[in-house]
Amino acid sequence: MRPERRPAASLTRIDRYVLRQLMLGLFAVSGGLVALIWLTQSLRFVELVVNRGLSFRVFFQLTSLLIPNFIAVILPITSFVVVQFVYQRLAGDRELTVMRTTGLSPLALARPALLLTAFVMASCFLLNIWIVPAAFQEFRQYQFEIRNRLAAFLLQEGVFTSVSDDLTVYVRTRDPDGTLHGIMVHDARQANSPATIFAERGRLIANKGIPRVLLINGSREEIDARTGRLNVLTFAQNSIDLTQSDKGEETRLRDVTEMSIPELLHPAPGSVAERDFGKLKVEAHRRLAAPFTAASFTMVALVSVLMGAFRRHGGVLRPLVAVLIVVALLATGLAVINLATRDTRLIPLIWLHAIAPAVIGAWLLLAPQLRFGPRALRAHLESA
C-alpha cells in the first residue's frame, strides 16, 4: 500500500524550518536597519528640541512618521541579505546537501525564499501605494505646524527666537502664567518696510489657530523708504501675527511624496507645473515597480547559493559576486530613474530593471530541471 502523497502546494516540514529562519532574520535585520536609519535621519530635527523647546514626545511623533518610508526602501535589500545568509549557512552546515540527496530540486529548495519574497512584495505594495504617502502627508503637515504655528509659542527667555526667516522675537523674562516682559520683535515680512517693535510686556494668544502676541505699552520704529526718516509710533496695546506671512497662510505646497498613485498619474489641472508632469509619472511607476526588486534581489541570492557544486567549507566568490550584482542593480536603478525623469519615454526601463533579474534568476533555477528531468537532475546534483 502506497503512502498518501501530500499536495505539492502544501508546506513540508523542511519548508517551515527554512521559512521560520528566513522570517526571523527578516524581522531582526529590518528592525535593526530601520532603527539605525531612523537615528541618523532624526538628528536633523534635534534642533527643534534644542532651539525651539519642543518636547521629546513631539519629536518622536514627528520622526516616527518617516519609518514607513525607511521600511519600504530597505525591505528588498534585507530580503537579499537574509536569503543569502540563511541559505549560505545551510550550505555550510551541509543541510542543503542532505536536502538535495532526498531528491529536492533547486526550485523546491528555493520555495521558502519565494514565500518570503511574496510576503515582502505584498508589504512593499501596501507601503508604497497607501501607507508611505499618507505618512509623508502627515509628517509634512506636522512639520509645517511646528515651524509656522507651534514654534511661536515656544519663546525662550533671553534668546532671539527666529520664528521664521524674516521674523525674530526676543523676550527678556517670562512669568509662570505666560506673561512676557521686555519684548522686542523685528518684523521684515514686508521687504520695503521692515519694523522693530518694543513693548514692556505682553502675552501669547491664539486666534483661529494662528499665534499672535498681544503687546502692551510699546513703540513701533520703522524707516520710511522714500524719505529715510525714522518713524516712531507709540501704542498702549497692539497685536502682531507670528505666522510666516502677514496673512497667516493656512495652506502649503504638497510634495510629490505625499501624492497618491492616481494623483501622480492624473494630476488635477493647475495643481502642478506642466514641466513637473514627467516627474510625477516617473514617481508613480517607481512606486509600482519597486516591490518587484525584492524578487530580483532574492533570485540573485538563490542563484548564487543553489547553482553549482556545494563546497564543504563554503566559498567567498559566489556570495561576493551576488553582493556586487545587487549593488550594481541599486546603482543602475537610480540612474534609470534619473534618465526617465528627463525623458518619460524611458519609463519602461524602470520595469525592465525591476523584473528582468528575477526572470533571469528563475530561468537559471528551472533550466537544470527542465534539461535533465527530476531523476537525472538528482544524479547530476549528487555527482556535482
Protein backbone atom coordinates (compact mmCIF):
# COMPACT_ATOMS: atom_id res chain seq x y z
CA MET A 1 0.00 0.00 0.00
CA ARG A 2 1.50 3.27 -1.09
CA PRO A 3 1.66 6.16 1.42
CA GLU A 4 -0.59 9.09 0.69
CA ARG A 5 1.27 11.89 -1.02
CA ARG A 6 0.87 15.49 0.10
CA PRO A 7 -0.36 18.06 -2.37
CA ALA A 8 2.50 19.93 -4.00
CA ALA A 9 1.16 23.24 -2.75
CA SER A 10 1.32 22.30 0.96
CA LEU A 11 4.31 23.27 3.04
CA THR A 12 6.62 20.48 4.12
CA ARG A 13 8.47 20.37 7.40
CA ILE A 14 11.63 21.44 5.60
CA ASP A 15 9.80 24.44 4.11
CA ARG A 16 8.55 25.53 7.52
CA TYR A 17 12.02 25.04 9.04
CA VAL A 18 13.74 27.24 6.47
CA LEU A 19 10.90 29.76 6.28
CA ARG A 20 10.99 30.24 10.06
CA GLN A 21 14.67 31.16 9.92
CA LEU A 22 14.08 33.50 6.99
CA MET A 23 11.21 35.33 8.70
CA LEU A 24 13.10 35.73 11.98
CA GLY A 25 16.12 37.03 10.10
CA LEU A 26 14.00 39.43 8.05
CA PHE A 27 12.38 40.99 11.11
CA ALA A 28 15.68 41.18 13.02
CA VAL A 29 17.73 42.70 10.20
CA SER A 30 14.95 45.06 9.07
CA GLY A 31 14.31 46.22 12.63
CA GLY A 32 17.98 46.92 13.23
CA LEU A 33 18.45 48.81 9.97
CA VAL A 34 15.27 50.84 10.47
CA ALA A 35 16.41 51.83 13.96
CA LEU A 36 19.84 52.84 12.64
CA ILE A 37 18.43 54.85 9.73
CA TRP A 38 15.83 56.48 11.97
CA LEU A 39 18.56 57.51 14.43
CA THR A 40 20.72 59.11 11.73
CA GLN A 41 17.84 60.84 9.95
CA SER A 42 16.16 62.11 13.12
CA LEU A 43 19.31 64.08 14.04
CA ARG A 44 18.14 66.69 11.51
CA PHE A 45 15.22 67.51 13.79
CA VAL A 46 17.11 67.70 17.06
CA GLU A 47 17.34 71.47 16.65
CA LEU A 48 13.56 71.62 17.09
CA VAL A 49 14.07 70.23 20.58
CA VAL A 50 17.23 72.15 21.44
CA ASN A 51 16.44 75.54 19.90
CA ARG A 52 12.64 75.58 19.81
CA GLY A 53 11.92 73.81 23.06
CA LEU A 54 9.77 71.01 21.65
CA SER A 55 9.18 68.03 23.91
CA PHE A 56 10.69 64.63 23.13
CA ARG A 57 7.15 63.30 22.72
CA VAL A 58 6.54 65.65 19.82
CA PHE A 59 9.99 64.81 18.43
CA PHE A 60 9.24 61.07 18.42
CA GLN A 61 5.79 61.61 16.95
CA LEU A 62 7.27 63.65 14.11
CA THR A 63 10.20 61.39 13.25
CA SER A 64 8.21 58.15 13.60
CA LEU A 65 6.21 59.20 10.54
CA LEU A 66 9.37 58.63 8.48
CA ILE A 67 9.64 54.96 9.46
CA PRO A 68 7.22 53.56 6.81
CA ASN A 69 9.40 55.02 4.05
CA PHE A 70 12.53 53.52 5.62
CA ILE A 71 10.87 50.09 5.71
CA ALA A 72 9.74 50.34 2.09
CA VAL A 73 13.27 51.20 0.97
CA ILE A 74 15.20 48.56 2.91
CA LEU A 75 12.83 45.55 2.67
CA PRO A 76 14.08 44.41 -0.78
CA ILE A 77 17.68 44.77 0.39
CA THR A 78 17.12 42.94 3.68
CA SER A 79 15.35 40.12 1.84
CA PHE A 80 18.52 39.60 -0.20
CA VAL A 81 20.73 39.73 2.90
CA VAL A 82 18.58 37.27 4.83
CA VAL A 83 18.18 34.77 1.98
CA GLN A 84 21.90 34.92 1.21
CA PHE A 85 22.89 34.45 4.86
CA VAL A 86 20.40 31.70 5.77
CA TYR A 87 20.98 29.60 2.65
CA GLN A 88 24.76 30.09 2.89
CA ARG A 89 24.63 28.87 6.48
CA LEU A 90 22.51 25.87 5.49
CA ALA A 91 25.04 25.07 2.78
CA GLY A 92 27.95 25.42 5.18
CA ASP A 93 26.26 23.06 7.68
CA ARG A 94 25.64 20.52 4.87
CA GLU A 95 21.89 20.77 5.43
CA LEU A 96 21.30 21.76 1.80
CA THR A 97 23.36 18.76 0.69
CA VAL A 98 21.14 16.44 2.71
CA MET A 99 18.03 18.08 1.26
CA ARG A 100 19.35 17.65 -2.27
CA THR A 101 20.12 13.97 -1.76
CA THR A 102 16.44 13.42 -0.86
CA GLY A 103 15.56 14.50 -4.40
CA LEU A 104 14.67 18.15 -3.82
CA SER A 105 15.30 20.29 -6.87
CA PRO A 106 16.76 23.82 -6.65
CA LEU A 107 13.26 25.17 -7.21
CA ALA A 108 11.91 23.11 -4.30
CA LEU A 109 14.77 24.31 -2.10
CA ALA A 110 14.01 27.89 -3.10
CA ARG A 111 10.33 27.65 -2.16
CA PRO A 112 10.71 29.10 1.39
CA ALA A 113 12.65 32.05 -0.03
CA LEU A 114 9.98 32.57 -2.68
CA LEU A 115 7.29 32.62 0.01
CA LEU A 116 9.33 35.19 1.92
CA THR A 117 9.64 37.23 -1.28
CA ALA A 118 5.87 37.13 -1.80
CA PHE A 119 5.40 38.50 1.74
CA VAL A 120 7.98 41.25 1.14
CA MET A 121 6.43 42.23 -2.19
CA ALA A 122 2.93 42.43 -0.70
CA SER A 123 4.28 44.57 2.16
CA CYS A 124 6.09 46.87 -0.28
CA PHE A 125 2.96 47.31 -2.39
CA LEU A 126 0.95 48.19 0.72
CA LEU A 127 3.62 50.64 1.87
CA ASN A 128 4.31 52.34 -1.47
CA ILE A 129 0.70 52.73 -2.56
CA TRP A 130 -1.07 53.68 0.69
CA ILE A 131 0.96 53.90 3.90
CA VAL A 132 4.06 55.88 2.81
CA PRO A 133 2.15 58.71 1.02
CA ALA A 134 -0.23 59.05 3.98
CA ALA A 135 2.67 59.09 6.46
CA PHE A 136 4.57 61.67 4.41
CA GLN A 137 1.49 63.88 4.20
CA GLU A 138 1.02 63.72 7.96
CA PHE A 139 4.74 64.34 8.51
CA ARG A 140 4.90 67.45 6.34
CA GLN A 141 1.70 68.84 7.80
CA TYR A 142 3.03 68.24 11.32
CA GLN A 143 6.36 69.83 10.39
CA PHE A 144 4.55 72.80 8.85
CA GLU A 145 2.53 73.32 12.02
CA ILE A 146 5.64 73.15 14.20
CA ARG A 147 7.68 75.58 12.12
CA ASN A 148 4.91 78.08 11.39
CA ARG A 149 2.44 77.77 14.27
CA LEU A 150 3.63 75.99 17.39
CA ALA A 151 7.15 77.43 17.34
CA ALA A 152 5.75 80.85 18.05
CA PHE A 153 4.52 79.64 21.47
CA LEU A 154 7.95 78.35 22.44
CA LEU A 155 9.70 81.66 23.04
CA GLN A 156 12.54 81.27 25.50
CA GLU A 157 13.86 83.79 27.97
CA GLY A 158 16.91 85.77 26.87
CA VAL A 159 17.01 84.12 23.43
CA PHE A 160 16.50 85.64 19.99
CA THR A 161 13.95 83.18 18.58
CA SER A 162 13.72 83.03 14.77
CA VAL A 163 10.06 82.24 14.25
CA SER A 164 10.75 82.44 10.50
CA ASP A 165 13.44 83.78 8.20
CA ASP A 166 12.02 87.30 8.40
CA LEU A 167 10.59 87.37 11.92
CA THR A 168 12.67 87.38 15.13
CA VAL A 169 11.35 87.72 18.68
CA TYR A 170 13.26 88.41 21.89
CA VAL A 171 11.79 88.06 25.40
CA ARG A 172 13.74 89.18 28.48
CA THR A 173 11.69 87.22 31.05
CA ARG A 174 8.63 85.02 31.09
CA ASP A 175 6.35 84.56 34.12
CA PRO A 176 4.82 81.19 35.06
CA ASP A 177 1.40 82.47 34.00
CA GLY A 178 2.72 83.19 30.49
CA THR A 179 3.19 86.96 30.79
CA LEU A 180 6.16 88.20 28.74
CA HIS A 181 8.39 91.11 29.78
CA GLY A 182 10.89 93.13 27.78
CA ILE A 183 9.69 92.18 24.28
CA MET A 184 11.45 93.06 21.05
CA VAL A 185 10.15 91.99 17.63
CA HIS A 186 11.97 92.51 14.34
CA ASP A 187 9.44 92.11 11.53
CA ALA A 188 10.85 92.06 7.97
CA ARG A 189 7.95 90.25 6.31
CA GLN A 190 7.29 93.39 4.26
CA ALA A 191 10.53 93.85 2.37
CA ASN A 192 10.04 97.58 1.73
CA SER A 193 9.24 98.50 5.33
CA PRO A 194 10.93 96.37 8.00
CA ALA A 195 9.95 97.38 11.52
CA THR A 196 11.28 96.92 15.03
CA ILE A 197 8.74 96.79 17.85
CA PHE A 198 9.39 97.19 21.59
CA ALA A 199 6.92 96.53 24.39
CA GLU A 200 7.07 96.47 28.17
CA ARG A 201 5.02 93.29 28.45
CA GLY A 202 2.72 91.05 26.51
CA ARG A 203 1.03 87.68 26.23
CA LEU A 204 0.77 84.97 23.57
CA ILE A 205 -2.73 84.32 22.29
CA ALA A 206 -4.26 82.22 19.50
CA ASN A 207 -6.92 83.36 17.06
CA LYS A 208 -8.36 80.52 14.93
CA GLY A 209 -5.16 78.55 15.35
CA ILE A 210 -2.96 81.50 14.29
CA PRO A 211 -0.46 82.55 17.00
CA ARG A 212 -0.37 86.23 17.92
CA VAL A 213 1.41 88.21 20.60
CA LEU A 214 -0.54 90.90 22.45
CA LEU A 215 1.80 93.82 23.19
CA ILE A 216 1.16 96.39 25.93
CA ASN A 217 2.82 99.82 26.29
CA GLY A 218 5.29 99.83 23.44
CA SER A 219 6.50 101.53 20.29
CA ARG A 220 6.95 100.67 16.64
CA GLU A 221 10.01 102.02 14.84
CA GLU A 222 10.08 101.98 11.06
CA ILE A 223 12.27 103.74 8.48
CA ASP A 224 10.40 105.45 5.68
CA ALA A 225 11.72 104.01 2.41
CA ARG A 226 11.13 107.28 0.50
CA THR A 227 12.50 109.87 2.94
CA GLY A 228 14.83 107.72 5.04
CA ARG A 229 13.35 109.18 8.23
CA LEU A 230 12.71 107.11 11.32
CA ASN A 231 9.01 106.96 12.20
CA VAL A 232 8.14 106.08 15.77
CA LEU A 233 4.60 105.11 16.75
CA THR A 234 3.73 104.51 20.41
CA PHE A 235 0.79 102.38 21.43
CA ALA A 236 -0.95 101.24 24.58
CA GLN A 237 -1.98 97.89 23.09
CA ASN A 238 -1.24 96.14 19.83
CA SER A 239 -1.21 92.58 18.49
CA ILE A 240 1.14 91.00 15.95
CA ASP A 241 0.64 87.88 13.89
CA LEU A 242 3.54 85.46 14.39
CA THR A 243 2.97 83.26 11.36
CA GLN A 244 5.43 83.16 8.50
CA SER A 245 3.47 85.62 6.37
CA ASP A 246 1.50 88.69 7.28
CA LYS A 247 -1.72 86.99 6.10
CA GLY A 248 -1.35 83.90 8.22
CA GLU A 249 -1.08 81.33 5.46
CA GLU A 250 -3.29 78.33 6.05
CA THR A 251 -2.05 76.20 3.15
CA ARG A 252 1.23 74.74 2.00
CA LEU A 253 2.60 73.28 -1.20
CA ARG A 254 2.29 69.49 -1.43
CA ASP A 255 5.33 67.43 -2.20
CA VAL A 256 5.42 64.58 -4.73
CA THR A 257 5.98 62.07 -1.92
CA GLU A 258 2.56 62.92 -0.45
CA MET A 259 0.54 62.24 -3.59
CA SER A 260 -1.31 59.01 -4.27
CA ILE A 261 -0.84 56.95 -7.43
CA PRO A 262 -3.97 58.40 -9.15
CA GLU A 263 -2.82 61.93 -8.32
CA LEU A 264 0.63 61.23 -9.76
CA LEU A 265 -0.69 59.72 -12.98
CA HIS A 266 -3.56 62.19 -13.42
CA PRO A 267 -2.76 65.42 -11.54
CA ALA A 268 -5.52 67.97 -11.16
CA PRO A 269 -5.31 70.87 -13.66
CA GLY A 270 -3.30 73.74 -12.22
CA SER A 271 -2.06 71.76 -9.20
CA VAL A 272 1.46 71.33 -10.61
CA ALA A 273 3.53 72.96 -13.31
CA GLU A 274 3.50 71.30 -16.71
CA ARG A 275 7.25 70.72 -16.54
CA ASP A 276 6.72 68.50 -13.48
CA PHE A 277 4.29 66.08 -15.14
CA GLY A 278 7.13 63.76 -16.12
CA LYS A 279 8.50 63.74 -12.58
CA LEU A 280 5.10 62.74 -11.19
CA LYS A 281 4.69 59.98 -13.74
CA VAL A 282 8.13 58.55 -13.01
CA GLU A 283 7.40 58.58 -9.27
CA ALA A 284 4.18 56.61 -9.83
CA HIS A 285 5.93 53.94 -11.90
CA ARG A 286 8.80 53.79 -9.42
CA ARG A 287 6.41 53.03 -6.56
CA LEU A 288 4.61 50.33 -8.56
CA ALA A 289 7.82 48.71 -9.83
CA ALA A 290 9.88 48.89 -6.61
CA PRO A 291 8.31 45.78 -4.95
CA PHE A 292 9.49 43.61 -7.86
CA THR A 293 13.09 44.42 -6.97
CA ALA A 294 12.62 42.21 -3.89
CA ALA A 295 12.07 39.24 -6.22
CA SER A 296 15.10 40.20 -8.30
CA PHE A 297 17.39 40.55 -5.28
CA THR A 298 16.15 37.26 -3.83
CA MET A 299 16.77 35.46 -7.10
CA VAL A 300 20.34 36.77 -7.16
CA ALA A 301 20.90 35.27 -3.71
CA LEU A 302 19.26 31.95 -4.61
CA VAL A 303 21.23 31.53 -7.81
CA SER A 304 24.50 32.25 -6.01
CA VAL A 305 23.78 29.57 -3.35
CA LEU A 306 21.79 26.88 -5.14
CA MET A 307 23.52 26.76 -8.51
CA GLY A 308 26.75 24.85 -8.97
CA ALA A 309 28.53 22.39 -6.73
CA PHE A 310 28.44 22.72 -2.95
CA ARG A 311 31.71 23.08 -1.10
CA ARG A 312 32.21 21.78 2.37
CA HIS A 313 33.84 24.92 3.67
CA GLY A 314 31.70 27.23 1.60
CA GLY A 315 33.07 29.83 -0.76
CA VAL A 316 33.60 33.55 -0.88
CA LEU A 317 33.46 34.14 -4.60
CA ARG A 318 29.79 33.49 -5.29
CA PRO A 319 28.44 35.50 -2.29
CA LEU A 320 30.80 38.33 -3.21
CA VAL A 321 29.59 38.29 -6.82
CA ALA A 322 25.98 38.30 -5.59
CA VAL A 323 26.63 41.36 -3.41
CA LEU A 324 28.30 43.17 -6.29
CA ILE A 325 25.36 42.38 -8.57
CA VAL A 326 22.87 43.80 -6.06
CA VAL A 327 24.98 46.93 -5.59
CA ALA A 328 25.13 47.32 -9.37
CA LEU A 329 21.34 46.90 -9.59
CA LEU A 330 20.82 49.59 -6.94
CA ALA A 331 23.14 51.99 -8.77
CA THR A 332 21.58 51.35 -12.17
CA GLY A 333 18.14 51.76 -10.63
CA LEU A 334 18.99 55.30 -9.57
CA ALA A 335 20.45 56.02 -12.99
CA VAL A 336 17.36 54.69 -14.76
CA ILE A 337 15.05 56.86 -12.65
CA ASN A 338 17.13 59.95 -13.41
CA LEU A 339 17.06 59.18 -17.13
CA ALA A 340 13.31 58.53 -17.08
CA THR A 341 12.73 61.83 -15.28
CA ARG A 342 14.46 63.63 -18.14
CA ASP A 343 12.72 61.59 -20.84
CA THR A 344 9.46 59.82 -19.94
CA ARG A 345 9.82 57.55 -22.98
CA LEU A 346 12.41 55.64 -20.93
CA ILE A 347 9.89 54.72 -18.20
CA PRO A 348 9.72 51.08 -19.44
CA LEU A 349 13.35 50.77 -18.36
CA ILE A 350 12.16 51.12 -14.75
CA TRP A 351 10.04 48.00 -15.14
CA LEU A 352 12.74 46.17 -17.08
CA HIS A 353 15.28 46.90 -14.36
CA ALA A 354 12.90 45.70 -11.64
CA ILE A 355 11.68 42.49 -13.29
CA ALA A 356 14.42 41.25 -15.65
CA PRO A 357 16.84 39.97 -12.94
CA ALA A 358 14.01 37.96 -11.35
CA VAL A 359 13.09 36.38 -14.70
CA ILE A 360 16.72 35.51 -15.47
CA GLY A 361 17.20 34.03 -11.99
CA ALA A 362 14.05 31.92 -12.27
CA TRP A 363 15.19 30.58 -15.63
CA LEU A 364 18.59 29.65 -14.22
CA LEU A 365 16.93 27.72 -11.39
CA LEU A 366 14.47 25.96 -13.69
CA ALA A 367 16.85 25.23 -16.57
CA PRO A 368 18.63 22.21 -14.99
CA GLN A 369 15.34 20.59 -14.02
CA LEU A 370 13.91 21.12 -17.50
CA ARG A 371 17.09 19.85 -19.12
CA PHE A 372 17.68 16.70 -17.06
CA GLY A 373 14.29 15.81 -15.58
CA PRO A 374 13.73 15.07 -11.86
CA ARG A 375 15.66 11.75 -11.62
CA ALA A 376 18.52 12.78 -13.86
CA LEU A 377 18.72 16.09 -12.03
CA ARG A 378 19.17 14.26 -8.73
CA ALA A 379 22.01 12.17 -10.11
CA HIS A 380 23.55 15.25 -11.70
CA LEU A 381 23.48 17.15 -8.39
CA GLU A 382 24.94 14.23 -6.46
CA SER A 383 27.77 13.90 -8.95
CA ALA A 384 28.44 17.65 -8.69
